PDB file of N, CA and C in Angstrom:
ATOM      1  N   UNK A   1     -61.914-103.361 136.184  1.00  0.00           N
ATOM      2  CA  UNK A   1     -61.430-104.255 136.756  1.00  0.00           C
ATOM      3  C   UNK A   1     -62.147-105.473 138.143  1.00  0.00           C
ATOM      4  N   UNK A   2     -63.649-104.216 137.154  1.00  0.00           N
ATOM      5  CA  UNK A   2     -64.842-105.042 138.896  1.00  0.00           C
ATOM      6  C   UNK A   2     -64.627-105.832 138.945  1.00  0.00           C
ATOM      7  N   UNK A   3     -64.681-106.670 138.666  1.00  0.00           N
ATOM      8  CA  UNK A   3     -65.456-107.992 137.731  1.00  0.00           C
ATOM      9  C   UNK A   3     -64.204-109.662 138.480  1.00  0.00           C
ATOM     10  N   UNK A   4     -62.755-108.614 139.278  1.00  0.00           N
ATOM     11  CA  UNK A   4     -62.333-109.541 139.752  1.00  0.00           C
ATOM     12  C   UNK A   4     -62.534-109.645 141.952  1.00  0.00           C
ATOM     13  N   UNK A   5     -62.360-110.466 142.445  1.00  0.00           N
ATOM     14  CA  UNK A   5     -62.339-110.256 143.397  1.00  0.00           C
ATOM     15  C   UNK A   5     -61.168-108.922 144.629  1.00  0.00           C
ATOM     16  N   UNK A   6     -62.316-108.714 145.165  1.00  0.00           N
ATOM     17  CA  UNK A   6     -62.504-107.734 145.638  1.00  0.00           C
ATOM     18  C   UNK A   6     -62.638-107.470 147.583  1.00  0.00           C
ATOM     19  N   UNK A   7     -61.204-107.052 147.800  1.00  0.00           N
ATOM     20  CA  UNK A   7     -62.018-107.038 149.278  1.00  0.00           C
ATOM     21  C   UNK A   7     -62.154-105.010 149.843  1.00  0.00           C
ATOM     22  N   UNK A   8     -62.880-105.749 151.349  1.00  0.00           N
ATOM     23  CA  UNK A   8     -63.516-104.670 151.646  1.00  0.00           C
ATOM     24  C   UNK A   8     -63.654-104.619 152.946  1.00  0.00           C
ATOM     25  N   UNK A   9     -62.457-102.636 153.581  1.00  0.00           N
ATOM     26  CA  UNK A   9     -63.283-103.116 155.429  1.00  0.00           C
ATOM     27  C   UNK A   9     -64.113-101.322 155.707  1.00  0.00           C
ATOM     28  N   UNK A  10     -64.847-102.565 156.428  1.00  0.00           N
ATOM     29  CA  UNK A  10     -66.084-101.966 156.125  1.00  0.00           C
ATOM     30  C   UNK A  10     -66.108-101.753 158.431  1.00  0.00           C
ATOM     31  N   UNK A  11     -66.530-100.740 158.509  1.00  0.00           N
ATOM     32  CA  UNK A  11     -66.985 -99.496 159.867  1.00  0.00           C
ATOM     33  C   UNK A  11     -68.064 -99.644 160.054  1.00  0.00           C
ATOM     34  N   UNK A  12     -68.848 -99.984 160.954  1.00  0.00           N
ATOM     35  CA  UNK A  12     -70.050 -99.501 161.513  1.00  0.00           C
ATOM     36  C   UNK A  12     -70.483 -99.670 162.655  1.00  0.00           C
ATOM     37  N   UNK A  13     -71.882 -99.245 163.944  1.00  0.00           N
ATOM     38  CA  UNK A  13     -72.535 -98.896 164.431  1.00  0.00           C
ATOM     39  C   UNK A  13     -73.296-100.060 164.633  1.00  0.00           C
ATOM     40  N   UNK A  14     -72.760-101.302 164.081  1.00  0.00           N
ATOM     41  CA  UNK A  14     -73.168-102.979 164.512  1.00  0.00           C
ATOM     42  C   UNK A  14     -72.016-103.244 163.456  1.00  0.00           C
ATOM     43  N   UNK A  15     -71.739-103.852 163.269  1.00  0.00           N
ATOM     44  CA  UNK A  15     -70.504-104.638 162.286  1.00  0.00           C
ATOM     45  C   UNK A  15     -71.091-106.054 162.834  1.00  0.00           C
ATOM     46  N   UNK A  16     -71.115-106.972 163.483  1.00  0.00           N
ATOM     47  CA  UNK A  16     -71.979-107.882 164.083  1.00  0.00           C
ATOM     48  C   UNK A  16     -73.388-108.486 162.721  1.00  0.00           C
ATOM     49  N   UNK A  17     -73.995-107.374 163.314  1.00  0.00           N
ATOM     50  CA  UNK A  17     -75.547-107.359 162.741  1.00  0.00           C
ATOM     51  C   UNK A  17     -74.884-107.013 161.306  1.00  0.00           C
ATOM     52  N   UNK A  18     -74.583-106.052 160.790  1.00  0.00           N
ATOM     53  CA  UNK A  18     -74.315-105.973 159.910  1.00  0.00           C
ATOM     54  C   UNK A  18     -73.377-107.409 158.991  1.00  0.00           C
ATOM     55  N   UNK A  19     -72.774-108.092 159.589  1.00  0.00           N
ATOM     56  CA  UNK A  19     -71.922-109.060 159.211  1.00  0.00           C
ATOM     57  C   UNK A  19     -72.765-110.572 158.249  1.00  0.00           C
ATOM     58  N   UNK A  20     -73.916-109.791 159.544  1.00  0.00           N
ATOM     59  CA  UNK A  20     -75.364-111.753 158.830  1.00  0.00           C
ATOM     60  C   UNK A  20     -75.752-111.419 158.163  1.00  0.00           C
ATOM     61  N   UNK A  21     -75.763-109.679 158.392  1.00  0.00           N
ATOM     62  CA  UNK A  21     -76.598-109.490 156.595  1.00  0.00           C
ATOM     63  C   UNK A  21     -75.696-109.711 155.573  1.00  0.00           C
ATOM     64  N   UNK A  22     -74.826-108.636 155.579  1.00  0.00           N
ATOM     65  CA  UNK A  22     -74.357-108.795 154.368  1.00  0.00           C
ATOM     66  C   UNK A  22     -73.783-110.395 153.680  1.00  0.00           C
ATOM     67  N   UNK A  23     -73.951-110.835 154.483  1.00  0.00           N
ATOM     68  CA  UNK A  23     -73.446-112.739 154.301  1.00  0.00           C
ATOM     69  C   UNK A  23     -74.869-113.206 153.410  1.00  0.00           C
ATOM     70  N   UNK A  24     -75.630-112.574 153.420  1.00  0.00           N
ATOM     71  CA  UNK A  24     -76.543-112.917 153.176  1.00  0.00           C
ATOM     72  C   UNK A  24     -76.999-112.728 151.130  1.00  0.00           C
ATOM     73  N   UNK A  25     -76.360-111.761 151.006  1.00  0.00           N
ATOM     74  CA  UNK A  25     -76.282-111.590 149.588  1.00  0.00           C
ATOM     75  C   UNK A  25     -75.388-110.876 148.238  1.00  0.00           C
ATOM     76  N   UNK A  26     -76.336-111.746 147.480  1.00  0.00           N
ATOM     77  CA  UNK A  26     -75.467-112.674 146.723  1.00  0.00           C
ATOM     78  C   UNK A  26     -74.546-112.310 146.127  1.00  0.00           C
ATOM     79  N   UNK A  27     -74.019-110.896 146.214  1.00  0.00           N
ATOM     80  CA  UNK A  27     -72.390-110.465 145.711  1.00  0.00           C
ATOM     81  C   UNK A  27     -71.430-110.130 146.633  1.00  0.00           C
ATOM     82  N   UNK A  28     -71.569-110.849 147.941  1.00  0.00           N
ATOM     83  CA  UNK A  28     -71.133-111.283 148.890  1.00  0.00           C
ATOM     84  C   UNK A  28     -70.527-112.400 149.415  1.00  0.00           C
ATOM     85  N   UNK A  29     -69.065-113.039 149.310  1.00  0.00           N
ATOM     86  CA  UNK A  29     -68.783-114.457 149.197  1.00  0.00           C
ATOM     87  C   UNK A  29     -67.929-114.606 150.367  1.00  0.00           C
ATOM     88  N   UNK A  30     -67.716-113.665 150.914  1.00  0.00           N
ATOM     89  CA  UNK A  30     -67.500-113.715 152.410  1.00  0.00           C
ATOM     90  C   UNK A  30     -66.778-112.839 153.370  1.00  0.00           C
ATOM     91  N   UNK A  31     -67.229-113.282 154.921  1.00  0.00           N
ATOM     92  CA  UNK A  31     -67.399-111.930 155.886  1.00  0.00           C
ATOM     93  C   UNK A  31     -65.825-112.058 156.607  1.00  0.00           C
ATOM     94  N   UNK A  32     -65.335-111.616 157.158  1.00  0.00           N
ATOM     95  CA  UNK A  32     -64.240-111.616 158.602  1.00  0.00           C
ATOM     96  C   UNK A  32     -64.114-110.588 159.664  1.00  0.00           C
ATOM     97  N   UNK A  33     -65.056-110.857 160.205  1.00  0.00           N
ATOM     98  CA  UNK A  33     -65.171-109.763 161.668  1.00  0.00           C
ATOM     99  C   UNK A  33     -64.361-110.271 162.992  1.00  0.00           C
ATOM    100  N   UNK A  34     -63.859-108.576 163.381  1.00  0.00           N
ATOM    101  CA  UNK A  34     -62.436-109.878 164.366  1.00  0.00           C
ATOM    102  C   UNK A  34     -62.652-107.918 165.671  1.00  0.00           C
ATOM    103  N   UNK A  35     -62.192-107.617 166.009  1.00  0.00           N
ATOM    104  CA  UNK A  35     -63.080-107.151 167.629  1.00  0.00           C
ATOM    105  C   UNK A  35     -62.786-105.611 166.846  1.00  0.00           C
ATOM    106  N   UNK A  36     -62.309-104.912 166.117  1.00  0.00           N
ATOM    107  CA  UNK A  36     -62.742-103.300 165.738  1.00  0.00           C
ATOM    108  C   UNK A  36     -63.097-103.630 164.025  1.00  0.00           C
ATOM    109  N   UNK A  37     -62.707-104.185 163.185  1.00  0.00           N
ATOM    110  CA  UNK A  37     -63.710-104.505 161.545  1.00  0.00           C
ATOM    111  C   UNK A  37     -63.720-105.100 161.307  1.00  0.00           C
ATOM    112  N   UNK A  38     -64.281-105.214 159.524  1.00  0.00           N
ATOM    113  CA  UNK A  38     -64.867-106.136 159.259  1.00  0.00           C
ATOM    114  C   UNK A  38     -64.773-106.335 158.128  1.00  0.00           C
ATOM    115  N   UNK A  39     -64.760-107.252 157.568  1.00  0.00           N
ATOM    116  CA  UNK A  39     -63.724-107.526 156.351  1.00  0.00           C
ATOM    117  C   UNK A  39     -64.763-108.166 154.989  1.00  0.00           C
ATOM    118  N   UNK A  40     -65.000-107.745 154.174  1.00  0.00           N
ATOM    119  CA  UNK A  40     -66.085-108.274 153.817  1.00  0.00           C
ATOM    120  C   UNK A  40     -65.341-108.850 152.256  1.00  0.00           C
ATOM    121  N   UNK A  41     -65.229-110.014 151.212  1.00  0.00           N
ATOM    122  CA  UNK A  41     -64.948-109.864 150.089  1.00  0.00           C
ATOM    123  C   UNK A  41     -65.960-110.375 149.490  1.00  0.00           C
ATOM    124  N   UNK A  42     -66.409-109.643 147.474  1.00  0.00           N
ATOM    125  CA  UNK A  42     -66.729-109.704 146.684  1.00  0.00           C
ATOM    126  C   UNK A  42     -65.644-109.910 145.391  1.00  0.00           C
ATOM    127  N   UNK A  43     -66.632-109.928 144.697  1.00  0.00           N
ATOM    128  CA  UNK A  43     -66.548-110.614 143.402  1.00  0.00           C
ATOM    129  C   UNK A  43     -67.763-109.842 141.859  1.00  0.00           C
ATOM    130  N   UNK A  44     -68.560-109.422 142.788  1.00  0.00           N
ATOM    131  CA  UNK A  44     -68.912-108.238 141.793  1.00  0.00           C
ATOM    132  C   UNK A  44     -68.644-106.825 143.135  1.00  0.00           C
ATOM    133  N   UNK A  45     -67.774-105.272 142.950  1.00  0.00           N
ATOM    134  CA  UNK A  45     -67.664-104.793 143.115  1.00  0.00           C
ATOM    135  C   UNK A  45     -68.667-103.529 143.169  1.00  0.00           C
ATOM    136  N   UNK A  46     -69.749-103.657 142.259  1.00  0.00           N
ATOM    137  CA  UNK A  46     -70.504-102.998 141.781  1.00  0.00           C
ATOM    138  C   UNK A  46     -71.942-102.931 143.169  1.00  0.00           C
ATOM    139  N   UNK A  47     -72.632-104.487 142.467  1.00  0.00           N
ATOM    140  CA  UNK A  47     -72.980-104.886 142.847  1.00  0.00           C
ATOM    141  C   UNK A  47     -73.333-104.796 144.695  1.00  0.00           C
ATOM    142  N   UNK A  48     -71.967-104.553 145.151  1.00  0.00           N
ATOM    143  CA  UNK A  48     -72.071-105.404 146.450  1.00  0.00           C
ATOM    144  C   UNK A  48     -71.646-102.857 147.080  1.00  0.00           C
ATOM    145  N   UNK A  49     -71.170-102.243 146.071  1.00  0.00           N
ATOM    146  CA  UNK A  49     -71.737-101.094 146.602  1.00  0.00           C
ATOM    147  C   UNK A  49     -72.798-100.400 146.623  1.00  0.00           C
ATOM    148  N   UNK A  50     -73.370-101.047 145.881  1.00  0.00           N
ATOM    149  CA  UNK A  50     -75.005-100.035 145.968  1.00  0.00           C
ATOM    150  C   UNK A  50     -75.820-100.801 147.152  1.00  0.00           C
ATOM    151  N   UNK A  51     -74.911-102.435 147.729  1.00  0.00           N
ATOM    152  CA  UNK A  51     -76.237-102.952 148.435  1.00  0.00           C
ATOM    153  C   UNK A  51     -75.716-102.659 149.892  1.00  0.00           C
ATOM    154  N   UNK A  52     -74.810-102.562 149.929  1.00  0.00           N
ATOM    155  CA  UNK A  52     -73.669-102.327 151.095  1.00  0.00           C
ATOM    156  C   UNK A  52     -74.935-101.062 152.016  1.00  0.00           C
ATOM    157  N   UNK A  53     -75.120-100.315 151.541  1.00  0.00           N
ATOM    158  CA  UNK A  53     -75.525 -98.989 151.899  1.00  0.00           C
ATOM    159  C   UNK A  53     -76.987 -99.198 152.224  1.00  0.00           C
ATOM    160  N   UNK A  54     -77.413 -99.697 151.018  1.00  0.00           N
ATOM    161  CA  UNK A  54     -78.927-100.155 150.517  1.00  0.00           C
ATOM    162  C   UNK A  54     -79.308-101.282 152.141  1.00  0.00           C
ATOM    163  N   UNK A  55     -79.141-102.589 152.486  1.00  0.00           N
ATOM    164  CA  UNK A  55     -78.915-103.127 154.044  1.00  0.00           C
ATOM    165  C   UNK A  55     -78.607-103.067 154.751  1.00  0.00           C
ATOM    166  N   UNK A  56     -77.052-102.141 154.779  1.00  0.00           N
ATOM    167  CA  UNK A  56     -77.234-101.055 156.721  1.00  0.00           C
ATOM    168  C   UNK A  56     -78.663-100.878 156.650  1.00  0.00           C
ATOM    169  N   UNK A  57     -79.078 -99.858 155.339  1.00  0.00           N
ATOM    170  CA  UNK A  57     -80.172 -98.786 156.437  1.00  0.00           C
ATOM    171  C   UNK A  57     -81.090 -99.747 156.407  1.00  0.00           C
ATOM    172  N   UNK A  58     -81.263-100.947 156.372  1.00  0.00           N
ATOM    173  CA  UNK A  58     -82.754-101.974 156.247  1.00  0.00           C
ATOM    174  C   UNK A  58     -82.416-102.438 158.084  1.00  0.00           C
ATOM    175  N   UNK A  59     -81.671-102.633 158.503  1.00  0.00           N
ATOM    176  CA  UNK A  59     -80.943-102.590 159.404  1.00  0.00           C
ATOM    177  C   UNK A  59     -81.589-102.131 160.417  1.00  0.00           C
ATOM    178  N   UNK A  60     -81.122-101.051 160.550  1.00  0.00           N
ATOM    179  CA  UNK A  60     -81.123 -99.899 161.568  1.00  0.00           C
ATOM    180  C   UNK A  60     -79.682 -99.808 161.227  1.00  0.00           C
ATOM    181  N   UNK A  61     -78.503 -99.513 160.752  1.00  0.00           N
ATOM    182  CA  UNK A  61     -76.599 -99.816 161.093  1.00  0.00           C
ATOM    183  C   UNK A  61     -76.922 -98.347 160.373  1.00  0.00           C
ATOM    184  N   UNK A  62     -75.921 -97.466 160.761  1.00  0.00           N
ATOM    185  CA  UNK A  62     -74.844 -96.286 160.571  1.00  0.00           C
ATOM    186  C   UNK A  62     -73.555 -96.739 160.385  1.00  0.00           C
ATOM    187  N   UNK A  63     -73.139 -96.427 159.029  1.00  0.00           N
ATOM    188  CA  UNK A  63     -72.150 -97.351 157.270  1.00  0.00           C
ATOM    189  C   UNK A  63     -71.356 -95.922 158.245  1.00  0.00           C
ATOM    190  N   UNK A  64     -70.239 -96.085 158.840  1.00  0.00           N
ATOM    191  CA  UNK A  64     -68.843 -95.342 158.905  1.00  0.00           C
ATOM    192  C   UNK A  64     -67.627 -95.160 158.018  1.00  0.00           C
ATOM    193  N   UNK A  65     -67.145 -96.027 157.358  1.00  0.00           N
ATOM    194  CA  UNK A  65     -66.347 -96.496 156.045  1.00  0.00           C
ATOM    195  C   UNK A  65     -66.120 -97.564 155.783  1.00  0.00           C
ATOM    196  N   UNK A  66     -66.483 -97.121 154.504  1.00  0.00           N
ATOM    197  CA  UNK A  66     -67.084 -98.804 153.274  1.00  0.00           C
ATOM    198  C   UNK A  66     -65.648 -98.378 152.232  1.00  0.00           C
ATOM    199  N   UNK A  67     -63.778 -98.759 152.752  1.00  0.00           N
ATOM    200  CA  UNK A  67     -62.847 -98.776 151.864  1.00  0.00           C
ATOM    201  C   UNK A  67     -62.556-100.102 151.024  1.00  0.00           C
ATOM    202  N   UNK A  68     -62.065 -99.739 150.003  1.00  0.00           N
ATOM    203  CA  UNK A  68     -61.239-101.638 149.408  1.00  0.00           C
ATOM    204  C   UNK A  68     -60.181-100.163 149.527  1.00  0.00           C
ATOM    205  N   UNK A  69     -59.546-102.154 150.086  1.00  0.00           N
ATOM    206  CA  UNK A  69     -58.727-102.531 149.827  1.00  0.00           C
ATOM    207  C   UNK A  69     -57.313-102.774 149.933  1.00  0.00           C
ATOM    208  N   UNK A  70     -57.989-103.215 148.859  1.00  0.00           N
ATOM    209  CA  UNK A  70     -56.672-104.199 146.892  1.00  0.00           C
ATOM    210  C   UNK A  70     -57.277-103.052 145.651  1.00  0.00           C
ATOM    211  N   UNK A  71     -56.948-101.357 146.115  1.00  0.00           N
ATOM    212  CA  UNK A  71     -57.666-100.715 144.786  1.00  0.00           C
ATOM    213  C   UNK A  71     -55.760-100.182 144.413  1.00  0.00           C
ATOM    214  N   UNK A  72     -54.301-100.710 145.168  1.00  0.00           N
ATOM    215  CA  UNK A  72     -52.942-100.548 144.628  1.00  0.00           C
ATOM    216  C   UNK A  72     -52.989-100.857 143.245  1.00  0.00           C
ATOM    217  N   UNK A  73     -52.115-100.642 142.310  1.00  0.00           N
ATOM    218  CA  UNK A  73     -51.289-100.668 141.068  1.00  0.00           C
ATOM    219  C   UNK A  73     -51.596-102.288 141.932  1.00  0.00           C
ATOM    220  N   UNK A  74     -50.185-102.561 142.329  1.00  0.00           N
ATOM    221  CA  UNK A  74     -49.841-103.583 142.473  1.00  0.00           C
ATOM    222  C   UNK A  74     -50.644-104.623 142.632  1.00  0.00           C
ATOM    223  N   UNK A  75     -51.736-104.169 143.117  1.00  0.00           N
ATOM    224  CA  UNK A  75     -53.280-105.724 143.942  1.00  0.00           C
ATOM    225  C   UNK A  75     -53.066-105.907 142.487  1.00  0.00           C
ATOM    226  N   UNK A  76     -53.164-105.237 140.987  1.00  0.00           N
ATOM    227  CA  UNK A  76     -54.609-105.152 140.206  1.00  0.00           C
ATOM    228  C   UNK A  76     -53.052-105.521 139.723  1.00  0.00           C
ATOM    229  N   UNK A  77     -52.281-105.482 138.908  1.00  0.00           N
ATOM    230  CA  UNK A  77     -50.611-106.152 138.310  1.00  0.00           C
ATOM    231  C   UNK A  77     -50.899-108.260 139.128  1.00  0.00           C
ATOM    232  N   UNK A  78     -50.675-108.037 140.214  1.00  0.00           N
ATOM    233  CA  UNK A  78     -50.255-108.992 141.213  1.00  0.00           C
ATOM    234  C   UNK A  78     -52.005-110.647 140.558  1.00  0.00           C
ATOM    235  N   UNK A  79     -52.915-109.717 140.428  1.00  0.00           N
ATOM    236  CA  UNK A  79     -54.205-110.618 139.909  1.00  0.00           C
ATOM    237  C   UNK A  79     -53.910-110.421 138.807  1.00  0.00           C
ATOM    238  N   UNK A  80     -53.413-110.270 137.782  1.00  0.00           N
ATOM    239  CA  UNK A  80     -53.661-110.430 135.748  1.00  0.00           C
ATOM    240  C   UNK A  80     -52.003-111.576 136.281  1.00  0.00           C
ATOM    241  N   UNK A  81     -51.252-111.093 136.775  1.00  0.00           N
ATOM    242  CA  UNK A  81     -50.383-112.229 136.809  1.00  0.00           C
ATOM    243  C   UNK A  81     -50.779-113.791 137.536  1.00  0.00           C
ATOM    244  N   UNK A  82     -51.371-113.891 138.453  1.00  0.00           N
ATOM    245  CA  UNK A  82     -52.115-114.966 138.549  1.00  0.00           C
ATOM    246  C   UNK A  82     -52.870-115.496 137.795  1.00  0.00           C
ATOM    247  N   UNK A  83     -53.383-115.125 137.049  1.00  0.00           N
ATOM    248  CA  UNK A  83     -54.290-115.827 135.090  1.00  0.00           C
ATOM    249  C   UNK A  83     -53.447-116.130 135.213  1.00  0.00           C
TER     250      UNK A  83
END
């Protein structure tokens, strides 16, 4: 189910700069930045997980955490029911 919307929590050495760089990538359709974390929304799971480290490296940013936040069985079931 990699073609459904996914949300990732990202922690890096420079979340603000990474948010700007990621939002320019076609696999990303939304970013949200708070005091501690960057939240990224994508509907292209594989493309995003390949692009994020490449983009961070190109920007000189260290990725510390890149976690999908909606991989539970409950979230998948909820998505399927809403379809």
